[in-house]
Amino acid sequence: MKIKEIVDILNAKVVSGSGCDNLDIAHGFASDLMSDVLTLDTEKMILITGLANMQTIRTAEMADVQCILFVRDKQVTEEMLEIAEEQDIILIQCKYSMFNAVGKLYTAGLQPVY
């Protein structure tokens, strides 16, 4: 699934990572527990979370997660945006709940990590 498809499905907004529309995402993982994210070894994954703080950005950096989707209309701070841009991490925001966002993406064909 392409980033553009994810954005379209969720009526979302890319806040960091312009020009990333054609990046392939194969798997999704939804969690607010960053310790769970650190246990994964999956490429082409989007992290779906409602935890909008620097811990999420740093966790994505350590786990080589290239895209984060913030649900529940969580807003990205300037500090988060700055670090994400330095690390080439795509940040997306949507208004849907985590449950709703995951359901829509799964129905559209995004595969779970496990």
Protein backbone atom coordinates (compact mmCIF):
# COMPACT_ATOMS: atom_id res chain seq x y z
CA MET A 1 0.00 0.00 0.00
CA LYS A 2 1.29 3.46 -0.85
CA ILE A 3 1.38 6.39 1.59
CA LYS A 4 -1.00 8.24 -0.72
CA GLU A 5 -3.55 5.44 -0.35
CA ILE A 6 -3.30 5.55 3.44
CA VAL A 7 -3.81 9.31 3.41
CA ASP A 8 -6.81 8.99 1.08
CA ILE A 9 -8.46 6.17 3.04
CA LEU A 10 -8.18 8.04 6.34
CA ASN A 11 -8.70 11.59 5.06
CA ALA A 12 -5.36 12.20 6.72
CA LYS A 13 -2.68 14.85 6.44
CA VAL A 14 1.05 14.32 5.88
CA VAL A 15 2.85 16.74 8.22
CA SER A 16 6.40 15.54 7.54
CA GLY A 17 7.83 13.75 4.55
CA SER A 18 6.62 15.61 1.50
CA GLY A 19 7.15 13.73 -1.73
CA CYS A 20 6.61 10.37 -0.03
CA ASP A 21 3.32 9.51 -1.77
CA ASN A 22 4.72 6.46 -3.56
CA LEU A 23 6.53 4.89 -0.62
CA ASP A 24 5.42 1.28 -0.10
CA ILE A 25 4.01 0.23 3.27
CA ALA A 26 3.47 -3.52 3.68
CA HIS A 27 2.55 -3.89 7.35
CA GLY A 28 0.82 -1.96 10.09
CA PHE A 29 1.32 -2.09 13.84
CA ALA A 30 -0.91 -0.22 16.29
CA SER A 31 0.30 0.52 19.80
CA ASP A 32 0.72 3.23 22.39
CA LEU A 33 3.35 1.10 24.15
CA MET A 34 6.68 1.97 22.60
CA SER A 35 8.35 -0.98 24.34
CA ASP A 36 6.21 -3.25 22.11
CA VAL A 37 7.41 -1.40 19.01
CA LEU A 38 11.04 -2.00 19.98
CA THR A 39 10.47 -5.78 19.84
CA LEU A 40 9.57 -5.70 16.13
CA ASP A 41 11.85 -6.40 13.21
CA THR A 42 9.63 -5.56 10.26
CA GLU A 43 10.44 -3.54 7.16
CA LYS A 44 8.01 -1.26 5.32
CA MET A 45 5.87 -0.81 8.43
CA ILE A 46 3.63 2.02 9.57
CA LEU A 47 3.28 2.63 13.31
CA ILE A 48 -0.25 3.63 14.26
CA THR A 49 -0.41 5.37 17.63
CA GLY A 50 -2.11 8.00 19.73
CA LEU A 51 1.07 8.73 21.69
CA ALA A 52 2.16 12.09 20.30
CA ASN A 53 5.44 12.91 22.00
CA MET A 54 9.19 12.70 21.48
CA GLN A 55 9.31 9.13 22.83
CA THR A 56 7.38 7.98 19.76
CA ILE A 57 9.78 9.69 17.36
CA ARG A 58 12.84 8.32 19.16
CA THR A 59 11.33 4.83 19.24
CA ALA A 60 10.66 4.96 15.50
CA GLU A 61 14.24 6.07 14.96
CA MET A 62 15.64 3.14 16.97
CA ALA A 63 13.27 0.58 15.40
CA ASP A 64 13.80 1.83 11.82
CA VAL A 65 10.12 2.68 11.44
CA GLN A 66 9.80 4.96 8.44
CA CYS A 67 6.22 6.15 8.94
CA ILE A 68 4.05 7.08 11.94
CA LEU A 69 0.30 7.64 11.82
CA PHE A 70 -1.07 9.63 14.74
CA VAL A 71 -4.74 8.91 15.40
CA ARG A 72 -7.41 10.70 17.48
CA ASP A 73 -6.39 14.05 15.96
CA LYS A 74 -3.15 14.12 17.97
CA GLN A 75 -0.97 17.05 16.97
CA VAL A 76 2.73 16.90 16.17
CA THR A 77 4.93 19.39 18.03
CA GLU A 78 7.66 21.46 16.40
CA GLU A 79 10.31 19.41 18.21
CA MET A 80 8.81 16.15 16.93
CA LEU A 81 8.62 17.56 13.43
CA GLU A 82 12.24 18.69 13.49
CA ILE A 83 13.60 15.31 14.59
CA ALA A 84 11.33 13.40 12.17
CA GLU A 85 12.59 15.49 9.27
CA GLU A 86 16.21 14.93 10.33
CA GLN A 87 15.60 11.16 10.45
CA ASP A 88 13.42 10.99 7.29
CA ILE A 89 10.43 9.71 9.25
CA ILE A 90 7.05 10.39 7.65
CA LEU A 91 4.43 11.76 10.06
CA ILE A 92 0.73 11.55 9.28
CA GLN A 93 -2.23 12.78 11.33
CA CYS A 94 -5.86 11.63 11.14
CA LYS A 95 -9.02 12.24 13.14
CA TYR A 96 -10.12 8.61 13.38
CA SER A 97 -9.79 6.51 16.53
CA MET A 98 -7.08 3.84 16.47
CA PHE A 99 -9.71 1.12 16.16
CA ASN A 100 -11.40 2.80 13.21
CA ALA A 101 -8.14 3.67 11.43
CA VAL A 102 -6.77 0.14 11.78
CA GLY A 103 -10.04 -1.36 10.56
CA LYS A 104 -10.11 0.84 7.48
CA LEU A 105 -6.49 0.09 6.60
CA TYR A 106 -6.89 -3.66 7.17
CA THR A 107 -10.01 -3.72 5.02
CA ALA A 108 -8.07 -1.93 2.29
CA GLY A 109 -5.37 -4.62 2.34
CA LEU A 110 -2.70 -3.47 4.79
CA GLN A 111 -1.30 -6.57 6.51
CA PRO A 112 -0.64 -6.89 10.25
CA VAL A 113 2.85 -7.56 11.58
CA TYR A 114 1.55 -10.77 13.17
